[in-house]
PDB file of N, CA and C in Angstrom:
ATOM      1  N   MET A   1       6.113   6.777  15.333  1.00  0.00           N
ATOM      2  CA  MET A   1       5.636   6.226  14.085  1.00  0.00           C
ATOM      3  C   MET A   1       6.727   5.333  13.494  1.00  0.00           C
ATOM      4  N   THR A   2       6.297   4.290  12.810  1.00  0.00           N
ATOM      5  CA  THR A   2       7.217   3.397  12.118  1.00  0.00           C
ATOM      6  C   THR A   2       6.969   3.524  10.618  1.00  0.00           C
ATOM      7  N   HIS A   3       8.035   3.323   9.840  1.00  0.00           N
ATOM      8  CA  HIS A   3       7.966   3.516   8.402  1.00  0.00           C
ATOM      9  C   HIS A   3       8.553   2.310   7.686  1.00  0.00           C
ATOM     10  N   SER A   4       8.045   2.064   6.474  1.00  0.00           N
ATOM     11  CA  SER A   4       8.637   1.054   5.620  1.00  0.00           C
ATOM     12  C   SER A   4       8.436   1.467   4.173  1.00  0.00           C
ATOM     13  N   HIS A   5       9.381   1.076   3.324  1.00  0.00           N
ATOM     14  CA  HIS A   5       9.337   1.432   1.908  1.00  0.00           C
ATOM     15  C   HIS A   5       9.671   0.206   1.064  1.00  0.00           C
ATOM     16  N   VAL A   6       9.029   0.123  -0.097  1.00  0.00           N
ATOM     17  CA  VAL A   6       9.379  -0.910  -1.074  1.00  0.00           C
ATOM     18  C   VAL A   6       9.139  -0.346  -2.468  1.00  0.00           C
ATOM     19  N   ARG A   7       9.997  -0.706  -3.403  1.00  0.00           N
ATOM     20  CA  ARG A   7       9.714  -0.477  -4.822  1.00  0.00           C
ATOM     21  C   ARG A   7       9.412  -1.849  -5.406  1.00  0.00           C
ATOM     22  N   VAL A   8       8.185  -2.025  -5.847  1.00  0.00           N
ATOM     23  CA  VAL A   8       7.730  -3.290  -6.410  1.00  0.00           C
ATOM     24  C   VAL A   8       8.012  -3.246  -7.911  1.00  0.00           C
ATOM     25  N   PRO A   9       8.909  -4.106  -8.412  1.00  0.00           N
ATOM     26  CA  PRO A   9       9.219  -4.075  -9.832  1.00  0.00           C
ATOM     27  C   PRO A   9       8.023  -4.554 -10.675  1.00  0.00           C
ATOM     28  N   THR A  10       7.570  -3.699 -11.578  1.00  0.00           N
ATOM     29  CA  THR A  10       6.494  -4.038 -12.504  1.00  0.00           C
ATOM     30  C   THR A  10       6.426  -2.983 -13.595  1.00  0.00           C
ATOM     31  N   ALA A  11       6.034  -3.393 -14.776  1.00  0.00           N
ATOM     32  CA  ALA A  11       5.830  -2.457 -15.878  1.00  0.00           C
ATOM     33  C   ALA A  11       4.426  -1.852 -15.839  1.00  0.00           C
ATOM     34  N   HIS A  12       3.604  -2.282 -14.876  1.00  0.00           N
ATOM     35  CA  HIS A  12       2.198  -1.864 -14.806  1.00  0.00           C
ATOM     36  C   HIS A  12       1.896  -1.084 -13.526  1.00  0.00           C
ATOM     37  N   ALA A  13       2.863  -0.306 -13.056  1.00  0.00           N
ATOM     38  CA  ALA A  13       2.728   0.386 -11.773  1.00  0.00           C
ATOM     39  C   ALA A  13       1.510   1.297 -11.726  1.00  0.00           C
ATOM     40  N   SER A  14       1.286   2.079 -12.748  1.00  0.00           N
ATOM     41  CA  SER A  14       0.158   3.009 -12.745  1.00  0.00           C
ATOM     42  C   SER A  14      -1.167   2.259 -12.691  1.00  0.00           C
ATOM     43  N   ARG A  15      -1.283   1.203 -13.449  1.00  0.00           N
ATOM     44  CA  ARG A  15      -2.515   0.408 -13.450  1.00  0.00           C
ATOM     45  C   ARG A  15      -2.798  -0.162 -12.064  1.00  0.00           C
ATOM     46  N   TYR A  16      -1.784  -0.744 -11.434  1.00  0.00           N
ATOM     47  CA  TYR A  16      -1.984  -1.352 -10.119  1.00  0.00           C
ATOM     48  C   TYR A  16      -2.271  -0.299  -9.055  1.00  0.00           C
ATOM     49  N   LEU A  17      -1.612   0.839  -9.143  1.00  0.00           N
ATOM     50  CA  LEU A  17      -1.868   1.947  -8.214  1.00  0.00           C
ATOM     51  C   LEU A  17      -3.343   2.342  -8.289  1.00  0.00           C
ATOM     52  N   GLN A  18      -3.842   2.535  -9.498  1.00  0.00           N
ATOM     53  CA  GLN A  18      -5.237   2.960  -9.669  1.00  0.00           C
ATOM     54  C   GLN A  18      -6.218   1.879  -9.221  1.00  0.00           C
ATOM     55  N   GLN A  19      -5.932   0.618  -9.523  1.00  0.00           N
ATOM     56  CA  GLN A  19      -6.811  -0.463  -9.087  1.00  0.00           C
ATOM     57  C   GLN A  19      -6.868  -0.547  -7.570  1.00  0.00           C
ATOM     58  N   LEU A  20      -5.707  -0.468  -6.935  1.00  0.00           N
ATOM     59  CA  LEU A  20      -5.648  -0.549  -5.478  1.00  0.00           C
ATOM     60  C   LEU A  20      -6.405   0.610  -4.842  1.00  0.00           C
ATOM     61  N   CYS A  21      -6.177   1.809  -5.333  1.00  0.00           N
ATOM     62  CA  CYS A  21      -6.849   2.980  -4.763  1.00  0.00           C
ATOM     63  C   CYS A  21      -8.359   2.934  -4.990  1.00  0.00           C
ATOM     64  N   LYS A  22      -8.792   2.535  -6.171  1.00  0.00           N
ATOM     65  CA  LYS A  22     -10.240   2.417  -6.434  1.00  0.00           C
ATOM     66  C   LYS A  22     -10.861   1.371  -5.509  1.00  0.00           C
ATOM     67  N   HIS A  23     -10.162   0.254  -5.338  1.00  0.00           N
ATOM     68  CA  HIS A  23     -10.668  -0.816  -4.478  1.00  0.00           C
ATOM     69  C   HIS A  23     -10.853  -0.331  -3.046  1.00  0.00           C
ATOM     70  N   TRP A  24      -9.850   0.358  -2.514  1.00  0.00           N
ATOM     71  CA  TRP A  24      -9.916   0.803  -1.128  1.00  0.00           C
ATOM     72  C   TRP A  24     -10.746   2.063  -0.938  1.00  0.00           C
ATOM     73  N   SER A  25     -11.074   2.755  -2.028  1.00  0.00           N
ATOM     74  CA  SER A  25     -11.858   3.992  -1.890  1.00  0.00           C
ATOM     75  C   SER A  25     -13.287   3.723  -1.433  1.00  0.00           C
ATOM     76  N   HIS A  26     -13.729   2.483  -1.498  1.00  0.00           N
ATOM     77  CA  HIS A  26     -15.074   2.142  -1.032  1.00  0.00           C
ATOM     78  C   HIS A  26     -15.189   2.194   0.494  1.00  0.00           C
ATOM     79  N   ASN A  27     -14.062   1.983   1.190  1.00  0.00           N
ATOM     80  CA  ASN A  27     -14.092   1.914   2.656  1.00  0.00           C
ATOM     81  C   ASN A  27     -13.157   2.899   3.346  1.00  0.00           C
ATOM     82  N   LEU A  28     -12.199   3.451   2.610  1.00  0.00           N
ATOM     83  CA  LEU A  28     -11.150   4.251   3.227  1.00  0.00           C
ATOM     84  C   LEU A  28     -11.036   5.619   2.560  1.00  0.00           C
ATOM     85  N   ALA A  29     -10.346   6.536   3.220  1.00  0.00           N
ATOM     86  CA  ALA A  29     -10.066   7.846   2.634  1.00  0.00           C
ATOM     87  C   ALA A  29      -8.918   7.677   1.642  1.00  0.00           C
ATOM     88  N   VAL A  30      -9.202   7.979   0.358  1.00  0.00           N
ATOM     89  CA  VAL A  30      -8.243   7.742  -0.717  1.00  0.00           C
ATOM     90  C   VAL A  30      -8.225   8.939  -1.659  1.00  0.00           C
ATOM     91  N   SER A  31      -7.035   9.302  -2.120  1.00  0.00           N
ATOM     92  CA  SER A  31      -6.904  10.263  -3.212  1.00  0.00           C
ATOM     93  C   SER A  31      -5.838   9.721  -4.153  1.00  0.00           C
ATOM     94  N   PHE A  32      -6.051   9.893  -5.483  1.00  0.00           N
ATOM     95  CA  PHE A  32      -5.078   9.346  -6.432  1.00  0.00           C
ATOM     96  C   PHE A  32      -5.290   9.916  -7.824  1.00  0.00           C
ATOM     97  N   ASP A  33      -4.238   9.768  -8.622  1.00  0.00           N
ATOM     98  CA  ASP A  33      -4.296   9.986 -10.052  1.00  0.00           C
ATOM     99  C   ASP A  33      -3.452   8.872 -10.686  1.00  0.00           C
ATOM    100  N   GLU A  34      -3.040   9.028 -11.939  1.00  0.00           N
ATOM    101  CA  GLU A  34      -2.301   7.949 -12.607  1.00  0.00           C
ATOM    102  C   GLU A  34      -0.909   7.714 -12.033  1.00  0.00           C
ATOM    103  N   ARG A  35      -0.323   8.709 -11.401  1.00  0.00           N
ATOM    104  CA  ARG A  35       1.062   8.623 -10.944  1.00  0.00           C
ATOM    105  C   ARG A  35       1.244   8.487  -9.440  1.00  0.00           C
ATOM    106  N   GLN A  36       0.271   8.923  -8.643  1.00  0.00           N
ATOM    107  CA  GLN A  36       0.457   8.882  -7.188  1.00  0.00           C
ATOM    108  C   GLN A  36      -0.875   8.682  -6.482  1.00  0.00           C
ATOM    109  N   GLY A  37      -0.776   8.174  -5.271  1.00  0.00           N
ATOM    110  CA  GLY A  37      -1.980   7.970  -4.477  1.00  0.00           C
ATOM    111  C   GLY A  37      -1.666   7.958  -2.996  1.00  0.00           C
ATOM    112  N   THR A  38      -2.705   8.224  -2.198  1.00  0.00           N
ATOM    113  CA  THR A  38      -2.595   8.185  -0.742  1.00  0.00           C
ATOM    114  C   THR A  38      -3.822   7.469  -0.191  1.00  0.00           C
ATOM    115  N   VAL A  39      -3.579   6.535   0.720  1.00  0.00           N
ATOM    116  CA  VAL A  39      -4.650   5.791   1.377  1.00  0.00           C
ATOM    117  C   VAL A  39      -4.456   5.948   2.884  1.00  0.00           C
ATOM    118  N   THR A  40      -5.525   6.325   3.594  1.00  0.00           N
ATOM    119  CA  THR A  40      -5.472   6.433   5.045  1.00  0.00           C
ATOM    120  C   THR A  40      -6.258   5.297   5.665  1.00  0.00           C
ATOM    121  N   PHE A  41      -5.597   4.540   6.514  1.00  0.00           N
ATOM    122  CA  PHE A  41      -6.218   3.434   7.237  1.00  0.00           C
ATOM    123  C   PHE A  41      -6.554   3.933   8.640  1.00  0.00           C
ATOM    124  N   PRO A  42      -7.832   3.959   9.000  1.00  0.00           N
ATOM    125  CA  PRO A  42      -8.180   4.445  10.341  1.00  0.00           C
ATOM    126  C   PRO A  42      -7.651   3.510  11.417  1.00  0.00           C
ATOM    127  N   ARG A  43      -7.429   4.080  12.580  1.00  0.00           N
ATOM    128  CA  ARG A  43      -6.852   3.314  13.678  1.00  0.00           C
ATOM    129  C   ARG A  43      -7.717   2.141  14.106  1.00  0.00           C
ATOM    130  N   ASN A  44      -8.999   2.189  13.803  1.00  0.00           N
ATOM    131  CA  ASN A  44      -9.904   1.095  14.200  1.00  0.00           C
ATOM    132  C   ASN A  44     -10.349   0.257  13.002  1.00  0.00           C
ATOM    133  N   ALA A  45      -9.565   0.250  11.922  1.00  0.00           N
ATOM    134  CA  ALA A  45      -9.914  -0.527  10.725  1.00  0.00           C
ATOM    135  C   ALA A  45     -10.019  -2.009  11.049  1.00  0.00           C
ATOM    136  N   ARG A  46     -11.075  -2.616  10.553  1.00  0.00           N
ATOM    137  CA  ARG A  46     -11.302  -4.066  10.705  1.00  0.00           C
ATOM    138  C   ARG A  46     -11.249  -4.524  12.158  1.00  0.00           C
ATOM    139  N   GLY A  47     -11.735  -3.708  13.050  1.00  0.00           N
ATOM    140  CA  GLY A  47     -11.812  -4.088  14.452  1.00  0.00           C
ATOM    141  C   GLY A  47     -10.521  -3.924  15.234  1.00  0.00           C
ATOM    142  N   ALA A  48      -9.474  -3.465  14.570  1.00  0.00           N
ATOM    143  CA  ALA A  48      -8.197  -3.236  15.273  1.00  0.00           C
ATOM    144  C   ALA A  48      -8.332  -2.025  16.180  1.00  0.00           C
ATOM    145  N   ASP A  49      -7.418  -1.896  17.093  1.00  0.00           N
ATOM    146  CA  ASP A  49      -7.397  -0.727  17.968  1.00  0.00           C
ATOM    147  C   ASP A  49      -5.963  -0.219  18.050  1.00  0.00           C
ATOM    148  N   TRP A  50      -5.482   0.330  16.914  1.00  0.00           N
ATOM    149  CA  TRP A  50      -4.135   0.862  16.857  1.00  0.00           C
ATOM    150  C   TRP A  50      -4.108   2.236  17.494  1.00  0.00           C
ATOM    151  N   PRO A  51      -2.943   2.705  17.922  1.00  0.00           N
ATOM    152  CA  PRO A  51      -2.851   4.020  18.565  1.00  0.00           C
ATOM    153  C   PRO A  51      -3.220   5.190  17.653  1.00  0.00           C
ATOM    154  N   ALA A  52      -3.016   5.041  16.328  1.00  0.00           N
ATOM    155  CA  ALA A  52      -3.303   6.156  15.414  1.00  0.00           C
ATOM    156  C   ALA A  52      -3.549   5.619  14.006  1.00  0.00           C
ATOM    157  N   ASP A  53      -4.011   6.508  13.128  1.00  0.00           N
ATOM    158  CA  ASP A  53      -4.209   6.146  11.733  1.00  0.00           C
ATOM    159  C   ASP A  53      -2.868   5.794  11.089  1.00  0.00           C
ATOM    160  N   ALA A  54      -2.932   5.067   9.975  1.00  0.00           N
ATOM    161  CA  ALA A  54      -1.740   4.748   9.182  1.00  0.00           C
ATOM    162  C   ALA A  54      -1.952   5.298   7.778  1.00  0.00           C
ATOM    163  N   THR A  55      -0.849   5.536   7.076  1.00  0.00           N
ATOM    164  CA  THR A  55      -0.926   6.108   5.741  1.00  0.00           C
ATOM    165  C   THR A  55      -0.058   5.313   4.772  1.00  0.00           C
ATOM    166  N   LEU A  56      -0.618   5.051   3.594  1.00  0.00           N
ATOM    167  CA  LEU A  56       0.110   4.442   2.491  1.00  0.00           C
ATOM    168  C   LEU A  56       0.217   5.482   1.386  1.00  0.00           C
ATOM    169  N   ARG A  57       1.437   5.746   0.945  1.00  0.00           N
ATOM    170  CA  ARG A  57       1.663   6.649  -0.185  1.00  0.00           C
ATOM    171  C   ARG A  57       2.235   5.828  -1.332  1.00  0.00           C
ATOM    172  N   LEU A  58       1.661   6.002  -2.506  1.00  0.00           N
ATOM    173  CA  LEU A  58       2.057   5.243  -3.691  1.00  0.00           C
ATOM    174  C   LEU A  58       2.571   6.192  -4.758  1.00  0.00           C
ATOM    175  N   GLN A  59       3.589   5.738  -5.496  1.00  0.00           N
ATOM    176  CA  GLN A  59       4.144   6.535  -6.596  1.00  0.00           C
ATOM    177  C   GLN A  59       4.495   5.567  -7.722  1.00  0.00           C
ATOM    178  N   ALA A  60       3.907   5.779  -8.903  1.00  0.00           N
ATOM    179  CA  ALA A  60       4.179   4.921 -10.055  1.00  0.00           C
ATOM    180  C   ALA A  60       5.378   5.452 -10.837  1.00  0.00           C
ATOM    181  N   HIS A  61       6.282   4.548 -11.196  1.00  0.00           N
ATOM    182  CA  HIS A  61       7.461   4.855 -12.000  1.00  0.00           C
ATOM    183  C   HIS A  61       7.526   3.833 -13.129  1.00  0.00           C
ATOM    184  N   GLU A  62       8.350   4.091 -14.119  1.00  0.00           N
ATOM    185  CA  GLU A  62       8.521   3.116 -15.201  1.00  0.00           C
ATOM    186  C   GLU A  62       9.104   1.811 -14.687  1.00  0.00           C
ATOM    187  N   GLU A  63       9.949   1.883 -13.651  1.00  0.00           N
ATOM    188  CA  GLU A  63      10.588   0.679 -13.113  1.00  0.00           C
ATOM    189  C   GLU A  63       9.748  -0.070 -12.099  1.00  0.00           C
ATOM    190  N   GLY A  64       8.709   0.571 -11.558  1.00  0.00           N
ATOM    191  CA  GLY A  64       7.915  -0.112 -10.551  1.00  0.00           C
ATOM    192  C   GLY A  64       7.041   0.830  -9.752  1.00  0.00           C
ATOM    193  N   LEU A  65       6.458   0.292  -8.719  1.00  0.00           N
ATOM    194  CA  LEU A  65       5.536   1.021  -7.852  1.00  0.00           C
ATOM    195  C   LEU A  65       6.168   1.204  -6.480  1.00  0.00           C
ATOM    196  N   ASP A  66       6.394   2.459  -6.088  1.00  0.00           N
ATOM    197  CA  ASP A  66       6.893   2.759  -4.749  1.00  0.00           C
ATOM    198  C   ASP A  66       5.731   2.764  -3.770  1.00  0.00           C
ATOM    199  N   CYS A  67       5.908   2.074  -2.653  1.00  0.00           N
ATOM    200  CA  CYS A  67       4.920   2.027  -1.580  1.00  0.00           C
ATOM    201  C   CYS A  67       5.609   2.479  -0.299  1.00  0.00           C
ATOM    202  N   ASP A  68       5.118   3.535   0.307  1.00  0.00           N
ATOM    203  CA  ASP A  68       5.645   4.038   1.576  1.00  0.00           C
ATOM    204  C   ASP A  68       4.543   3.938   2.618  1.00  0.00           C
ATOM    205  N   LEU A  69       4.799   3.183   3.657  1.00  0.00           N
ATOM    206  CA  LEU A  69       3.846   3.005   4.749  1.00  0.00           C
ATOM    207  C   LEU A  69       4.335   3.730   5.989  1.00  0.00           C
ATOM    208  N   GLU A  70       3.423   4.411   6.656  1.00  0.00           N
ATOM    209  CA  GLU A  70       3.704   5.041   7.949  1.00  0.00           C
ATOM    210  C   GLU A  70       2.618   4.554   8.903  1.00  0.00           C
ATOM    211  N   ALA A  71       3.024   3.913   9.977  1.00  0.00           N
ATOM    212  CA  ALA A  71       2.078   3.320  10.921  1.00  0.00           C
ATOM    213  C   ALA A  71       2.421   3.729  12.348  1.00  0.00           C
ATOM    214  N   SER A  72       1.485   3.499  13.251  1.00  0.00           N
ATOM    215  CA  SER A  72       1.669   3.916  14.641  1.00  0.00           C
ATOM    216  C   SER A  72       2.385   2.881  15.496  1.00  0.00           C
ATOM    217  N   SER A  73       2.506   1.652  14.988  1.00  0.00           N
ATOM    218  CA  SER A  73       3.178   0.602  15.760  1.00  0.00           C
ATOM    219  C   SER A  73       3.749  -0.440  14.808  1.00  0.00           C
ATOM    220  N   ASP A  74       4.660  -1.246  15.322  1.00  0.00           N
ATOM    221  CA  ASP A  74       5.251  -2.307  14.509  1.00  0.00           C
ATOM    222  C   ASP A  74       4.192  -3.310  14.056  1.00  0.00           C
ATOM    223  N   GLY A  75       3.260  -3.630  14.942  1.00  0.00           N
ATOM    224  CA  GLY A  75       2.203  -4.577  14.587  1.00  0.00           C
ATOM    225  C   GLY A  75       1.307  -4.063  13.469  1.00  0.00           C
ATOM    226  N   GLN A  76       0.955  -2.789  13.540  1.00  0.00           N
ATOM    227  CA  GLN A  76       0.136  -2.178  12.495  1.00  0.00           C
ATOM    228  C   GLN A  76       0.911  -2.159  11.177  1.00  0.00           C
ATOM    229  N   LEU A  77       2.192  -1.816  11.228  1.00  0.00           N
ATOM    230  CA  LEU A  77       3.020  -1.776  10.034  1.00  0.00           C
ATOM    231  C   LEU A  77       3.085  -3.149   9.368  1.00  0.00           C
ATOM    232  N   GLU A  78       3.325  -4.188  10.137  1.00  0.00           N
ATOM    233  CA  GLU A  78       3.418  -5.542   9.584  1.00  0.00           C
ATOM    234  C   GLU A  78       2.088  -5.982   8.978  1.00  0.00           C
ATOM    235  N   ALA A  79       0.991  -5.684   9.648  1.00  0.00           N
ATOM    236  CA  ALA A  79      -0.329  -6.049   9.125  1.00  0.00           C
ATOM    237  C   ALA A  79      -0.598  -5.354   7.798  1.00  0.00           C
ATOM    238  N   LEU A  80      -0.245  -4.092   7.708  1.00  0.00           N
ATOM    239  CA  LEU A  80      -0.499  -3.337   6.474  1.00  0.00           C
ATOM    240  C   LEU A  80       0.438  -3.743   5.347  1.00  0.00           C
ATOM    241  N   LYS A  81       1.680  -4.094   5.652  1.00  0.00           N
ATOM    242  CA  LYS A  81       2.577  -4.596   4.607  1.00  0.00           C
ATOM    243  C   LYS A  81       1.972  -5.853   3.979  1.00  0.00           C
ATOM    244  N   GLY A  82       1.433  -6.722   4.799  1.00  0.00           N
ATOM    245  CA  GLY A  82       0.789  -7.933   4.284  1.00  0.00           C
ATOM    246  C   GLY A  82      -0.443  -7.627   3.453  1.00  0.00           C
ATOM    247  N   ALA A  83      -1.251  -6.681   3.910  1.00  0.00           N
ATOM    248  CA  ALA A  83      -2.472  -6.314   3.174  1.00  0.00           C
ATOM    249  C   ALA A  83      -2.129  -5.709   1.817  1.00  0.00           C
ATOM    250  N   VAL A  84      -1.138  -4.836   1.772  1.00  0.00           N
ATOM    251  CA  VAL A  84      -0.727  -4.214   0.509  1.00  0.00           C
ATOM    252  C   VAL A  84      -0.224  -5.296  -0.448  1.00  0.00           C
ATOM    253  N   ALA A  85       0.629  -6.172   0.015  1.00  0.00           N
ATOM    254  CA  ALA A  85       1.183  -7.228  -0.836  1.00  0.00           C
ATOM    255  C   ALA A  85       0.089  -8.161  -1.362  1.00  0.00           C
ATOM    256  N   ARG A  86      -0.817  -8.587  -0.500  1.00  0.00           N
ATOM    257  CA  ARG A  86      -1.898  -9.487  -0.938  1.00  0.00           C
ATOM    258  C   ARG A  86      -2.774  -8.832  -1.998  1.00  0.00           C
ATOM    259  N   HIS A  87      -3.136  -7.585  -1.776  1.00  0.00           N
ATOM    260  CA  HIS A  87      -4.009  -6.900  -2.729  1.00  0.00           C
ATOM    261  C   HIS A  87      -3.291  -6.664  -4.063  1.00  0.00           C
ATOM    262  N   LEU A  88      -2.057  -6.214  -4.027  1.00  0.00           N
ATOM    263  CA  LEU A  88      -1.338  -5.992  -5.283  1.00  0.00           C
ATOM    264  C   LEU A  88      -1.126  -7.294  -6.038  1.00  0.00           C
ATOM    265  N   ASP A  89      -0.829  -8.371  -5.338  1.00  0.00           N
ATOM    266  CA  ASP A  89      -0.681  -9.669  -6.008  1.00  0.00           C
ATOM    267  C   ASP A  89      -1.982 -10.104  -6.673  1.00  0.00           C
ATOM    268  N   ARG A  90      -3.114  -9.810  -6.049  1.00  0.00           N
ATOM    269  CA  ARG A  90      -4.410 -10.134  -6.669  1.00  0.00           C
ATOM    270  C   ARG A  90      -4.606  -9.364  -7.967  1.00  0.00           C
ATOM    271  N   PHE A  91      -4.274  -8.069  -7.951  1.00  0.00           N
ATOM    272  CA  PHE A  91      -4.448  -7.259  -9.153  1.00  0.00           C
ATOM    273  C   PHE A  91      -3.424  -7.629 -10.222  1.00  0.00           C
ATOM    274  N   ALA A  92      -2.277  -8.112  -9.819  1.00  0.00           N
ATOM    275  CA  ALA A  92      -1.192  -8.465 -10.739  1.00  0.00           C
ATOM    276  C   ALA A  92      -1.126  -9.972 -10.954  1.00  0.00           C
ATOM    277  N   PHE A  93      -2.266 -10.640 -10.976  1.00  0.00           N
ATOM    278  CA  PHE A  93      -2.281 -12.099 -10.992  1.00  0.00           C
ATOM    279  C   PHE A  93      -1.485 -12.693 -12.163  1.00  0.00           C
ATOM    280  N   ARG A  94      -1.368 -11.981 -13.281  1.00  0.00           N
ATOM    281  CA  ARG A  94      -0.618 -12.504 -14.423  1.00  0.00           C
ATOM    282  C   ARG A  94       0.900 -12.519 -14.171  1.00  0.00           C
ATOM    283  N   GLU A  95       1.375 -11.650 -13.290  1.00  0.00           N
ATOM    284  CA  GLU A  95       2.805 -11.620 -12.996  1.00  0.00           C
ATOM    285  C   GLU A  95       3.118 -11.908 -11.524  1.00  0.00           C
ATOM    286  N   ALA A  96       2.107 -12.266 -10.762  1.00  0.00           N
ATOM    287  CA  ALA A  96       2.294 -12.554  -9.338  1.00  0.00           C
ATOM    288  C   ALA A  96       3.041 -13.880  -9.171  1.00  0.00           C
ATOM    289  N   PRO A  97       3.738 -14.036  -8.066  1.00  0.00           N
ATOM    290  CA  PRO A  97       3.827 -13.068  -6.983  1.00  0.00           C
ATOM    291  C   PRO A  97       4.849 -11.976  -7.303  1.00  0.00           C
ATOM    292  N   LEU A  98       4.490 -10.769  -6.958  1.00  0.00           N
ATOM    293  CA  LEU A  98       5.388  -9.634  -7.116  1.00  0.00           C
ATOM    294  C   LEU A  98       6.463  -9.696  -6.026  1.00  0.00           C
ATOM    295  N   ALA A  99       7.573  -9.025  -6.277  1.00  0.00           N
ATOM    296  CA  ALA A  99       8.676  -9.011  -5.296  1.00  0.00           C
ATOM    297  C   ALA A  99       8.479  -7.846  -4.319  1.00  0.00           C
ATOM    298  N   PHE A 100       8.392  -8.161  -3.037  1.00  0.00           N
ATOM    299  CA  PHE A 100       8.254  -7.166  -1.975  1.00  0.00           C
ATOM    300  C   PHE A 100       9.453  -7.278  -1.043  1.00  0.00           C
ATOM    301  N   ASP A 101      10.377  -6.335  -1.166  1.00  0.00           N
ATOM    302  CA  ASP A 101      11.557  -6.303  -0.314  1.00  0.00           C
ATOM    303  C   ASP A 101      11.439  -5.040   0.554  1.00  0.00           C
ATOM    304  N   TRP A 102      10.550  -5.099   1.554  1.00  0.00           N
ATOM    305  CA  TRP A 102      10.277  -3.943   2.408  1.00  0.00           C
ATOM    306  C   TRP A 102      11.529  -3.538   3.169  1.00  0.00           C
ATOM    307  N   ARG A 103      11.741  -2.251   3.270  1.00  0.00           N
ATOM    308  CA  ARG A 103      12.856  -1.667   4.034  1.00  0.00           C
ATOM    309  C   ARG A 103      12.273  -0.825   5.152  1.00  0.00           C
ATOM    310  N   ASP A 104      12.367  -1.322   6.374  1.00  0.00           N
ATOM    311  CA  ASP A 104      11.859  -0.578   7.528  1.00  0.00           C
ATOM    312  C   ASP A 104      12.836   0.537   7.875  1.00  0.00           C
ATOM    313  N   ARG A 105      12.268   1.654   8.349  1.00  0.00           N
ATOM    314  CA  ARG A 105      13.097   2.806   8.739  1.00  0.00           C
ATOM    315  C   ARG A 105      12.891   3.130  10.182  1.00  0.00           C
TER     316      ARG A 105
END
């Protein structure tokens, strides 16, 4: 498994966390509250054929939104980092583009 983490600086972390989770709850397995959320991306999402499911864990803080991605391959990880950034920028259109300094582990 490959991992990546980013803290996205924003004063609206809880709002964006909830918007993102509500948006993806229509198609994906999602659980969330005001402070934390988990999104599971199936291995065959959008026609992909990744080796395993991927997971996004979100945590809202006063300083920003923590995003932790765990994926089955580097390609899946990169695709999901882009999807998370695009969606959050859409929800944060008044302050976009947000800063995404992903740290791979």
